[in-house]
Amino acid sequence: KQRHEAIYEQLSAIAPTVISERLRGDWKINMALYTDA
């Protein structure tokens, strides 16, 4: 979200896009999000 929210629409036009809320911290939450995706 921190780095790519501003270009989300452009990214989504290219391919389905999953944006995580967290940049740092609990990497396990991001891993679960990405593996689910």
PDB file of all heavy atoms in Angstrom:
ATOM      1  N   LYS A   1       0.824  -1.207   0.000  1.00  0.00           N
ATOM      2  CA  LYS A   1       0.000   0.000   0.000  1.00  0.00           C
ATOM      3  C   LYS A   1       0.860   1.259   0.000  1.00  0.00           C
ATOM      4  O   LYS A   1       0.621   2.185  -0.778  1.00  0.00           O
ATOM      5  CB  LYS A   1      -0.932  -0.021   1.210  1.00  0.00           C
ATOM      6  CG  LYS A   1      -1.891   1.130   1.242  1.00  0.00           C
ATOM      7  CD  LYS A   1      -2.864   1.000   2.392  1.00  0.00           C
ATOM      8  CE  LYS A   1      -3.829   2.164   2.394  1.00  0.00           C
ATOM      9  NZ  LYS A   1      -4.815   2.053   3.453  1.00  0.00           N
ATOM     10  N   GLN A   2       1.861   1.279   0.855  1.00  0.00           N
ATOM     11  CA  GLN A   2       2.701   2.473   0.983  1.00  0.00           C
ATOM     12  C   GLN A   2       3.392   2.834  -0.329  1.00  0.00           C
ATOM     13  O   GLN A   2       3.504   4.001  -0.678  1.00  0.00           O
ATOM     14  CB  GLN A   2       3.738   2.268   2.079  1.00  0.00           C
ATOM     15  CG  GLN A   2       4.629   3.468   2.294  1.00  0.00           C
ATOM     16  CD  GLN A   2       5.645   3.245   3.398  1.00  0.00           C
ATOM     17  OE1 GLN A   2       5.613   2.240   4.094  1.00  0.00           O
ATOM     18  NE2 GLN A   2       6.563   4.168   3.555  1.00  0.00           N
ATOM     19  N   ARG A   3       3.854   1.840  -1.061  1.00  0.00           N
ATOM     20  CA  ARG A   3       4.634   2.126  -2.261  1.00  0.00           C
ATOM     21  C   ARG A   3       3.837   2.099  -3.555  1.00  0.00           C
ATOM     22  O   ARG A   3       4.251   2.690  -4.550  1.00  0.00           O
ATOM     23  CB  ARG A   3       5.789   1.129  -2.363  1.00  0.00           C
ATOM     24  CG  ARG A   3       6.809   1.347  -1.281  1.00  0.00           C
ATOM     25  CD  ARG A   3       8.077   0.588  -1.565  1.00  0.00           C
ATOM     26  NE  ARG A   3       9.082   0.929  -0.577  1.00  0.00           N
ATOM     27  CZ  ARG A   3       9.817   0.056   0.067  1.00  0.00           C
ATOM     28  NH1 ARG A   3       9.686  -1.226  -0.175  1.00  0.00           N
ATOM     29  NH2 ARG A   3      10.705   0.448   0.945  1.00  0.00           N
ATOM     30  N   HIS A   4       2.700   1.406  -3.580  1.00  0.00           N
ATOM     31  CA  HIS A   4       2.039   1.179  -4.861  1.00  0.00           C
ATOM     32  C   HIS A   4       0.567   1.574  -4.916  1.00  0.00           C
ATOM     33  O   HIS A   4      -0.062   1.408  -5.958  1.00  0.00           O
ATOM     34  CB  HIS A   4       2.204  -0.285  -5.258  1.00  0.00           C
ATOM     35  CG  HIS A   4       3.628  -0.712  -5.256  1.00  0.00           C
ATOM     36  ND1 HIS A   4       4.139  -1.589  -4.329  1.00  0.00           N
ATOM     37  CD2 HIS A   4       4.667  -0.335  -6.031  1.00  0.00           C
ATOM     38  CE1 HIS A   4       5.429  -1.746  -4.544  1.00  0.00           C
ATOM     39  NE2 HIS A   4       5.785  -0.993  -5.560  1.00  0.00           N
ATOM     40  N   GLU A   5       0.025   2.106  -3.837  1.00  0.00           N
ATOM     41  CA  GLU A   5      -1.387   2.481  -3.837  1.00  0.00           C
ATOM     42  C   GLU A   5      -1.689   3.514  -4.928  1.00  0.00           C
ATOM     43  O   GLU A   5      -2.731   3.441  -5.596  1.00  0.00           O
ATOM     44  CB  GLU A   5      -1.791   3.018  -2.465  1.00  0.00           C
ATOM     45  CG  GLU A   5      -3.273   3.345  -2.358  1.00  0.00           C
ATOM     46  CD  GLU A   5      -3.673   3.766  -0.964  1.00  0.00           C
ATOM     47  OE1 GLU A   5      -2.894   4.461  -0.283  1.00  0.00           O
ATOM     48  OE2 GLU A   5      -4.784   3.396  -0.559  1.00  0.00           O
ATOM     49  N   ALA A   6      -0.788   4.441  -5.136  1.00  0.00           N
ATOM     50  CA  ALA A   6      -1.014   5.508  -6.118  1.00  0.00           C
ATOM     51  C   ALA A   6      -1.096   4.982  -7.553  1.00  0.00           C
ATOM     52  O   ALA A   6      -1.724   5.617  -8.407  1.00  0.00           O
ATOM     53  CB  ALA A   6       0.081   6.566  -6.015  1.00  0.00           C
ATOM     54  N   ILE A   7      -0.483   3.832  -7.825  1.00  0.00           N
ATOM     55  CA  ILE A   7      -0.515   3.278  -9.186  1.00  0.00           C
ATOM     56  C   ILE A   7      -1.341   1.996  -9.258  1.00  0.00           C
ATOM     57  O   ILE A   7      -1.255   1.250 -10.233  1.00  0.00           O
ATOM     58  CB  ILE A   7       0.913   3.048  -9.742  1.00  0.00           C
ATOM     59  CG1 ILE A   7       1.686   2.051  -8.875  1.00  0.00           C
ATOM     60  CG2 ILE A   7       1.652   4.368  -9.905  1.00  0.00           C
ATOM     61  CD1 ILE A   7       2.996   1.592  -9.490  1.00  0.00           C
ATOM     62  N   TYR A   8      -2.166   1.764  -8.239  1.00  0.00           N
ATOM     63  CA  TYR A   8      -2.963   0.528  -8.191  1.00  0.00           C
ATOM     64  C   TYR A   8      -3.815   0.349  -9.450  1.00  0.00           C
ATOM     65  O   TYR A   8      -3.855  -0.741 -10.014  1.00  0.00           O
ATOM     66  CB  TYR A   8      -3.847   0.506  -6.943  1.00  0.00           C
ATOM     67  CG  TYR A   8      -4.748  -0.696  -6.895  1.00  0.00           C
ATOM     68  CD1 TYR A   8      -4.271  -1.919  -6.444  1.00  0.00           C
ATOM     69  CD2 TYR A   8      -6.074  -0.627  -7.326  1.00  0.00           C
ATOM     70  CE1 TYR A   8      -5.076  -3.042  -6.411  1.00  0.00           C
ATOM     71  CE2 TYR A   8      -6.883  -1.746  -7.300  1.00  0.00           C
ATOM     72  CZ  TYR A   8      -6.387  -2.945  -6.846  1.00  0.00           C
ATOM     73  OH  TYR A   8      -7.187  -4.057  -6.831  1.00  0.00           O
ATOM     74  N   GLU A   9      -4.488   1.397  -9.890  1.00  0.00           N
ATOM     75  CA  GLU A   9      -5.353   1.270 -11.073  1.00  0.00           C
ATOM     76  C   GLU A   9      -4.549   0.878 -12.306  1.00  0.00           C
ATOM     77  O   GLU A   9      -4.985   0.058 -13.101  1.00  0.00           O
ATOM     78  CB  GLU A   9      -6.124   2.562 -11.311  1.00  0.00           C
ATOM     79  CG  GLU A   9      -7.232   2.765 -10.293  1.00  0.00           C
ATOM     80  CD  GLU A   9      -8.097   3.967 -10.606  1.00  0.00           C
ATOM     81  OE1 GLU A   9      -8.247   4.313 -11.798  1.00  0.00           O
ATOM     82  OE2 GLU A   9      -8.628   4.550  -9.647  1.00  0.00           O
ATOM     83  N   GLN A  10      -3.360   1.469 -12.456  1.00  0.00           N
ATOM     84  CA  GLN A  10      -2.515   1.120 -13.599  1.00  0.00           C
ATOM     85  C   GLN A  10      -2.037  -0.329 -13.490  1.00  0.00           C
ATOM     86  O   GLN A  10      -2.034  -1.059 -14.477  1.00  0.00           O
ATOM     87  CB  GLN A  10      -1.327   2.069 -13.687  1.00  0.00           C
ATOM     88  CG  GLN A  10      -1.749   3.494 -14.007  1.00  0.00           C
ATOM     89  CD  GLN A  10      -0.669   4.480 -13.664  1.00  0.00           C
ATOM     90  OE1 GLN A  10      -0.275   4.582 -12.516  1.00  0.00           O
ATOM     91  NE2 GLN A  10      -0.204   5.215 -14.680  1.00  0.00           N
ATOM     92  N   LEU A  11      -1.619  -0.729 -12.295  1.00  0.00           N
ATOM     93  CA  LEU A  11      -1.179  -2.102 -12.091  1.00  0.00           C
ATOM     94  C   LEU A  11      -2.314  -3.080 -12.370  1.00  0.00           C
ATOM     95  O   LEU A  11      -2.120  -4.115 -13.024  1.00  0.00           O
ATOM     96  CB  LEU A  11      -0.656  -2.298 -10.668  1.00  0.00           C
ATOM     97  CG  LEU A  11       0.643  -1.593 -10.312  1.00  0.00           C
ATOM     98  CD1 LEU A  11       0.901  -1.685  -8.811  1.00  0.00           C
ATOM     99  CD2 LEU A  11       1.803  -2.159 -11.096  1.00  0.00           C
ATOM    100  N   SER A  12      -3.513  -2.753 -11.910  1.00  0.00           N
ATOM    101  CA  SER A  12      -4.671  -3.625 -12.104  1.00  0.00           C
ATOM    102  C   SER A  12      -5.073  -3.738 -13.569  1.00  0.00           C
ATOM    103  O   SER A  12      -5.641  -4.745 -13.981  1.00  0.00           O
ATOM    104  CB  SER A  12      -5.856  -3.118 -11.288  1.00  0.00           C
ATOM    105  OG  SER A  12      -5.595  -3.244  -9.918  1.00  0.00           O
ATOM    106  N   ALA A  13      -4.791  -2.704 -14.352  1.00  0.00           N
ATOM    107  CA  ALA A  13      -5.079  -2.763 -15.781  1.00  0.00           C
ATOM    108  C   ALA A  13      -4.121  -3.721 -16.486  1.00  0.00           C
ATOM    109  O   ALA A  13      -4.445  -4.276 -17.539  1.00  0.00           O
ATOM    110  CB  ALA A  13      -4.995  -1.371 -16.401  1.00  0.00           C
ATOM    111  N   ILE A  14      -2.958  -3.924 -15.908  1.00  0.00           N
ATOM    112  CA  ILE A  14      -1.951  -4.816 -16.485  1.00  0.00           C
ATOM    113  C   ILE A  14      -2.231  -6.269 -16.118  1.00  0.00           C
ATOM    114  O   ILE A  14      -2.148  -7.166 -16.956  1.00  0.00           O
ATOM    115  CB  ILE A  14      -0.538  -4.402 -16.018  1.00  0.00           C
ATOM    116  CG1 ILE A  14      -0.215  -2.995 -16.540  1.00  0.00           C
ATOM    117  CG2 ILE A  14       0.515  -5.411 -16.456  1.00  0.00           C
ATOM    118  CD1 ILE A  14       0.998  -2.356 -15.902  1.00  0.00           C
ATOM    119  N   ALA A  15      -2.573  -6.511 -14.845  1.00  0.00           N
ATOM    120  CA  ALA A  15      -2.841  -7.864 -14.349  1.00  0.00           C
ATOM    121  C   ALA A  15      -3.539  -7.740 -12.995  1.00  0.00           C
ATOM    122  O   ALA A  15      -3.458  -6.682 -12.345  1.00  0.00           O
ATOM    123  CB  ALA A  15      -1.534  -8.650 -14.193  1.00  0.00           C
ATOM    124  N   PRO A  16      -4.198  -8.806 -12.542  1.00  0.00           N
ATOM    125  CA  PRO A  16      -4.748  -8.747 -11.181  1.00  0.00           C
ATOM    126  C   PRO A  16      -3.652  -8.323 -10.210  1.00  0.00           C
ATOM    127  O   PRO A  16      -2.500  -8.733 -10.339  1.00  0.00           O
ATOM    128  CB  PRO A  16      -5.197 -10.184 -10.917  1.00  0.00           C
ATOM    129  CG  PRO A  16      -5.430 -10.753 -12.276  1.00  0.00           C
ATOM    130  CD  PRO A  16      -4.418 -10.096 -13.174  1.00  0.00           C
ATOM    131  N   THR A  17      -4.016  -7.485  -9.239  1.00  0.00           N
ATOM    132  CA  THR A  17      -3.023  -6.881  -8.353  1.00  0.00           C
ATOM    133  C   THR A  17      -3.441  -7.053  -6.900  1.00  0.00           C
ATOM    134  O   THR A  17      -4.579  -6.764  -6.538  1.00  0.00           O
ATOM    135  CB  THR A  17      -2.861  -5.387  -8.677  1.00  0.00           C
ATOM    136  OG1 THR A  17      -2.437  -5.274 -10.048  1.00  0.00           O
ATOM    137  CG2 THR A  17      -1.850  -4.718  -7.780  1.00  0.00           C
ATOM    138  N   VAL A  18      -2.521  -7.538  -6.094  1.00  0.00           N
ATOM    139  CA  VAL A  18      -2.737  -7.717  -4.667  1.00  0.00           C
ATOM    140  C   VAL A  18      -1.805  -6.755  -3.942  1.00  0.00           C
ATOM    141  O   VAL A  18      -0.596  -6.779  -4.150  1.00  0.00           O
ATOM    142  CB  VAL A  18      -2.458  -9.172  -4.228  1.00  0.00           C
ATOM    143  CG1 VAL A  18      -2.553  -9.317  -2.725  1.00  0.00           C
ATOM    144  CG2 VAL A  18      -3.405 -10.125  -4.934  1.00  0.00           C
ATOM    145  N   ILE A  19      -2.392  -5.916  -3.107  1.00  0.00           N
ATOM    146  CA  ILE A  19      -1.632  -4.922  -2.352  1.00  0.00           C
ATOM    147  C   ILE A  19      -1.709  -5.276  -0.869  1.00  0.00           C
ATOM    148  O   ILE A  19      -2.797  -5.386  -0.313  1.00  0.00           O
ATOM    149  CB  ILE A  19      -2.202  -3.507  -2.571  1.00  0.00           C
ATOM    150  CG1 ILE A  19      -2.137  -3.105  -4.040  1.00  0.00           C
ATOM    151  CG2 ILE A  19      -1.513  -2.488  -1.683  1.00  0.00           C
ATOM    152  CD1 ILE A  19      -0.760  -2.794  -4.569  1.00  0.00           C
ATOM    153  N   SER A  20      -0.559  -5.425  -0.253  1.00  0.00           N
ATOM    154  CA  SER A  20      -0.536  -5.704   1.186  1.00  0.00           C
ATOM    155  C   SER A  20      -0.578  -4.391   1.960  1.00  0.00           C
ATOM    156  O   SER A  20      -0.120  -3.361   1.484  1.00  0.00           O
ATOM    157  CB  SER A  20       0.721  -6.494   1.565  1.00  0.00           C
ATOM    158  OG  SER A  20       1.869  -5.709   1.383  1.00  0.00           O
ATOM    159  N   GLU A  21      -1.131  -4.457   3.152  1.00  0.00           N
ATOM    160  CA  GLU A  21      -1.213  -3.287   4.024  1.00  0.00           C
ATOM    161  C   GLU A  21       0.129  -2.975   4.663  1.00  0.00           C
ATOM    162  O   GLU A  21       0.434  -1.839   4.958  1.00  0.00           O
ATOM    163  CB  GLU A  21      -2.245  -3.524   5.134  1.00  0.00           C
ATOM    164  CG  GLU A  21      -3.670  -3.563   4.641  1.00  0.00           C
ATOM    165  CD  GLU A  21      -4.213  -2.197   4.273  1.00  0.00           C
ATOM    166  OE1 GLU A  21      -3.841  -1.207   4.934  1.00  0.00           O
ATOM    167  OE2 GLU A  21      -4.999  -2.129   3.313  1.00  0.00           O
ATOM    168  N   ARG A  22       0.918  -4.001   4.894  1.00  0.00           N
ATOM    169  CA  ARG A  22       2.154  -3.857   5.667  1.00  0.00           C
ATOM    170  C   ARG A  22       3.379  -3.864   4.769  1.00  0.00           C
ATOM    171  O   ARG A  22       3.503  -4.683   3.881  1.00  0.00           O
ATOM    172  CB  ARG A  22       2.277  -5.006   6.656  1.00  0.00           C
ATOM    173  CG  ARG A  22       1.233  -4.969   7.726  1.00  0.00           C
ATOM    174  CD  ARG A  22       1.238  -6.276   8.522  1.00  0.00           C
ATOM    175  NE  ARG A  22       0.353  -6.224   9.643  1.00  0.00           N
ATOM    176  CZ  ARG A  22      -0.962  -6.366   9.563  1.00  0.00           C
ATOM    177  NH1 ARG A  22      -1.533  -6.540   8.397  1.00  0.00           N
ATOM    178  NH2 ARG A  22      -1.699  -6.320  10.646  1.00  0.00           N
ATOM    179  N   LEU A  23       4.275  -2.947   5.070  1.00  0.00           N
ATOM    180  CA  LEU A  23       5.557  -2.913   4.363  1.00  0.00           C
ATOM    181  C   LEU A  23       6.617  -3.608   5.204  1.00  0.00           C
ATOM    182  O   LEU A  23       7.439  -4.352   4.712  1.00  0.00           O
ATOM    183  CB  LEU A  23       5.965  -1.468   4.083  1.00  0.00           C
ATOM    184  CG  LEU A  23       7.281  -1.257   3.360  1.00  0.00           C
ATOM    185  CD1 LEU A  23       7.245  -1.928   2.000  1.00  0.00           C
ATOM    186  CD2 LEU A  23       7.561   0.218   3.213  1.00  0.00           C
ATOM    187  N   ARG A  24       6.560  -3.375   6.486  1.00  0.00           N
ATOM    188  CA  ARG A  24       7.526  -3.969   7.404  1.00  0.00           C
ATOM    189  C   ARG A  24       6.759  -4.637   8.526  1.00  0.00           C
ATOM    190  O   ARG A  24       5.563  -4.486   8.658  1.00  0.00           O
ATOM    191  CB  ARG A  24       8.425  -2.894   7.992  1.00  0.00           C
ATOM    192  CG  ARG A  24       9.297  -2.233   6.972  1.00  0.00           C
ATOM    193  CD  ARG A  24      10.154  -1.147   7.621  1.00  0.00           C
ATOM    194  NE  ARG A  24      10.960  -0.475   6.634  1.00  0.00           N
ATOM    195  CZ  ARG A  24      10.559   0.567   5.929  1.00  0.00           C
ATOM    196  NH1 ARG A  24       9.368   1.073   6.110  1.00  0.00           N
ATOM    197  NH2 ARG A  24      11.355   1.119   5.038  1.00  0.00           N
ATOM    198  N   GLY A  25       7.492  -5.337   9.349  1.00  0.00           N
ATOM    199  CA  GLY A  25       6.839  -5.921  10.521  1.00  0.00           C
ATOM    200  C   GLY A  25       6.555  -7.393  10.328  1.00  0.00           C
ATOM    201  O   GLY A  25       7.447  -8.156  10.008  1.00  0.00           O
ATOM    202  N   ASP A  26       5.318  -7.758  10.468  1.00  0.00           N
ATOM    203  CA  ASP A  26       4.953  -9.171  10.452  1.00  0.00           C
ATOM    204  C   ASP A  26       4.891  -9.703   9.021  1.00  0.00           C
ATOM    205  O   ASP A  26       3.847  -9.705   8.378  1.00  0.00           O
ATOM    206  CB  ASP A  26       3.625  -9.380  11.171  1.00  0.00           C
ATOM    207  CG  ASP A  26       3.376 -10.830  11.498  1.00  0.00           C
ATOM    208  OD1 ASP A  26       4.097 -11.706  10.965  1.00  0.00           O
ATOM    209  OD2 ASP A  26       2.466 -11.112  12.278  1.00  0.00           O
ATOM    210  N   TRP A  27       6.009 -10.176   8.526  1.00  0.00           N
ATOM    211  CA  TRP A  27       6.117 -10.675   7.162  1.00  0.00           C
ATOM    212  C   TRP A  27       5.229 -11.892   6.933  1.00  0.00           C
ATOM    213  O   TRP A  27       4.846 -12.201   5.799  1.00  0.00           O
ATOM    214  CB  TRP A  27       7.570 -11.008   6.825  1.00  0.00           C
ATOM    215  CG  TRP A  27       8.184 -12.023   7.741  1.00  0.00           C
ATOM    216  CD1 TRP A  27       8.852 -11.786   8.904  1.00  0.00           C
ATOM    217  CD2 TRP A  27       8.164 -13.448   7.585  1.00  0.00           C
ATOM    218  NE1 TRP A  27       9.250 -12.962   9.480  1.00  0.00           N
ATOM    219  CE2 TRP A  27       8.837 -14.007   8.693  1.00  0.00           C
ATOM    220  CE3 TRP A  27       7.644 -14.306   6.629  1.00  0.00           C
ATOM    221  CZ2 TRP A  27       9.001 -15.368   8.864  1.00  0.00           C
ATOM    222  CZ3 TRP A  27       7.813 -15.667   6.792  1.00  0.00           C
ATOM    223  CH2 TRP A  27       8.481 -16.182   7.893  1.00  0.00           C
ATOM    224  N   LYS A  28       4.871 -12.573   8.003  1.00  0.00           N
ATOM    225  CA  LYS A  28       4.038 -13.767   7.863  1.00  0.00           C
ATOM    226  C   LYS A  28       2.655 -13.418   7.313  1.00  0.00           C
ATOM    227  O   LYS A  28       2.076 -14.202   6.555  1.00  0.00           O
ATOM    228  CB  LYS A  28       3.904 -14.481   9.203  1.00  0.00           C
ATOM    229  CG  LYS A  28       5.200 -15.082   9.694  1.00  0.00           C
ATOM    230  CD  LYS A  28       4.977 -15.729  11.045  1.00  0.00           C
ATOM    231  CE  LYS A  28       6.265 -16.278  11.611  1.00  0.00           C
ATOM    232  NZ  LYS A  28       6.037 -16.934  12.899  1.00  0.00           N
ATOM    233  N   ILE A  29       2.142 -12.259   7.676  1.00  0.00           N
ATOM    234  CA  ILE A  29       0.837 -11.836   7.167  1.00  0.00           C
ATOM    235  C   ILE A  29       0.915 -11.623   5.655  1.00  0.00           C
ATOM    236  O   ILE A  29       0.030 -12.040   4.905  1.00  0.00           O
ATOM    237  CB  ILE A  29       0.349 -10.574   7.904  1.00  0.00           C
ATOM    238  CG1 ILE A  29       0.049 -10.920   9.362  1.00  0.00           C
ATOM    239  CG2 ILE A  29      -0.869  -9.966   7.218  1.00  0.00           C
ATOM    240  CD1 ILE A  29      -0.236  -9.733  10.247  1.00  0.00           C
ATOM    241  N   ASN A  30       1.985 -10.985   5.192  1.00  0.00           N
ATOM    242  CA  ASN A  30       2.152 -10.780   3.749  1.00  0.00           C
ATOM    243  C   ASN A  30       2.326 -12.110   3.028  1.00  0.00           C
ATOM    244  O   ASN A  30       1.766 -12.312   1.949  1.00  0.00           O
ATOM    245  CB  ASN A  30       3.341  -9.870   3.467  1.00  0.00           C
ATOM    246  CG  ASN A  30       3.063  -8.428   3.821  1.00  0.00           C
ATOM    247  OD1 ASN A  30       1.935  -8.042   4.077  1.00  0.00           O
ATOM    248  ND2 ASN A  30       4.106  -7.634   3.846  1.00  0.00           N
ATOM    249  N   MET A  31       3.090 -13.016   3.605  1.00  0.00           N
ATOM    250  CA  MET A  31       3.275 -14.312   2.962  1.00  0.00           C
ATOM    251  C   MET A  31       1.948 -15.039   2.813  1.00  0.00           C
ATOM    252  O   MET A  31       1.658 -15.613   1.758  1.00  0.00           O
ATOM    253  CB  MET A  31       4.268 -15.175   3.739  1.00  0.00           C
ATOM    254  CG  MET A  31       4.509 -16.509   3.061  1.00  0.00           C
ATOM    255  SD  MET A  31       5.855 -17.414   3.827  1.00  0.00           S
ATOM    256  CE  MET A  31       5.638 -19.015   3.084  1.00  0.00           C
ATOM    257  N   ALA A  32       1.127 -15.006   3.852  1.00  0.00           N
ATOM    258  CA  ALA A  32      -0.187 -15.652   3.779  1.00  0.00           C
ATOM    259  C   ALA A  32      -1.048 -14.994   2.699  1.00  0.00           C
ATOM    260  O   ALA A  32      -1.718 -15.685   1.916  1.00  0.00           O
ATOM    261  CB  ALA A  32      -0.874 -15.595   5.136  1.00  0.00           C
ATOM    262  N   LEU A  33      -1.022 -13.669   2.622  1.00  0.00           N
ATOM    263  CA  LEU A  33      -1.781 -12.950   1.604  1.00  0.00           C
ATOM    264  C   LEU A  33      -1.323 -13.351   0.204  1.00  0.00           C
ATOM    265  O   LEU A  33      -2.137 -13.659  -0.671  1.00  0.00           O
ATOM    266  CB  LEU A  33      -1.607 -11.440   1.805  1.00  0.00           C
ATOM    267  CG  LEU A  33      -2.241 -10.542   0.749  1.00  0.00           C
ATOM    268  CD1 LEU A  33      -3.757 -10.619   0.817  1.00  0.00           C
ATOM    269  CD2 LEU A  33      -1.768  -9.104   0.933  1.00  0.00           C
ATOM    270  N   TYR A  34      -0.021 -13.367  -0.003  1.00  0.00           N
ATOM    271  CA  TYR A  34       0.512 -13.672  -1.325  1.00  0.00           C
ATOM    272  C   TYR A  34       0.292 -15.134  -1.718  1.00  0.00           C
ATOM    273  O   TYR A  34      -0.035 -15.425  -2.871  1.00  0.00           O
ATOM    274  CB  TYR A  34       2.001 -13.320  -1.402  1.00  0.00           C
ATOM    275  CG  TYR A  34       2.305 -11.850  -1.191  1.00  0.00           C
ATOM    276  CD1 TYR A  34       3.499 -11.439  -0.639  1.00  0.00           C
ATOM    277  CD2 TYR A  34       1.391 -10.861  -1.539  1.00  0.00           C
ATOM    278  CE1 TYR A  34       3.792 -10.102  -0.445  1.00  0.00           C
ATOM    279  CE2 TYR A  34       1.667  -9.516  -1.344  1.00  0.00           C
ATOM    280  CZ  TYR A  34       2.874  -9.141  -0.801  1.00  0.00           C
ATOM    281  OH  TYR A  34       3.152  -7.812  -0.606  1.00  0.00           O
ATOM    282  N   THR A  35       0.479 -16.059  -0.778  1.00  0.00           N
ATOM    283  CA  THR A  35       0.257 -17.467  -1.127  1.00  0.00           C
ATOM    284  C   THR A  35      -1.219 -17.737  -1.384  1.00  0.00           C
ATOM    285  O   THR A  35      -1.556 -18.526  -2.270  1.00  0.00           O
ATOM    286  CB  THR A  35       0.823 -18.430  -0.066  1.00  0.00           C
ATOM    287  OG1 THR A  35       0.247 -18.147   1.211  1.00  0.00           O
ATOM    288  CG2 THR A  35       2.339 -18.344  -0.001  1.00  0.00           C
ATOM    289  N   ASP A  36      -2.102 -17.053  -0.667  1.00  0.00           N
ATOM    290  CA  ASP A  36      -3.536 -17.171  -0.964  1.00  0.00           C
ATOM    291  C   ASP A  36      -3.834 -16.633  -2.362  1.00  0.00           C
ATOM    292  O   ASP A  36      -4.615 -17.221  -3.106  1.00  0.00           O
ATOM    293  CB  ASP A  36      -4.376 -16.407   0.063  1.00  0.00           C
ATOM    294  CG  ASP A  36      -4.515 -17.138   1.391  1.00  0.00           C
ATOM    295  OD1 ASP A  36      -4.198 -18.344   1.459  1.00  0.00           O
ATOM    296  OD2 ASP A  36      -4.945 -16.487   2.370  1.00  0.00           O
ATOM    297  N   ALA A  37      -3.196 -15.520  -2.720  1.00  0.00           N
ATOM    298  CA  ALA A  37      -3.445 -14.882  -4.019  1.00  0.00           C
ATOM    299  C   ALA A  37      -3.072 -15.784  -5.188  1.00  0.00           C
ATOM    300  O   ALA A  37      -3.689 -15.698  -6.247  1.00  0.00           O
ATOM    301  CB  ALA A  37      -2.675 -13.562  -4.116  1.00  0.00           C
TER     302      ALA A  37
END
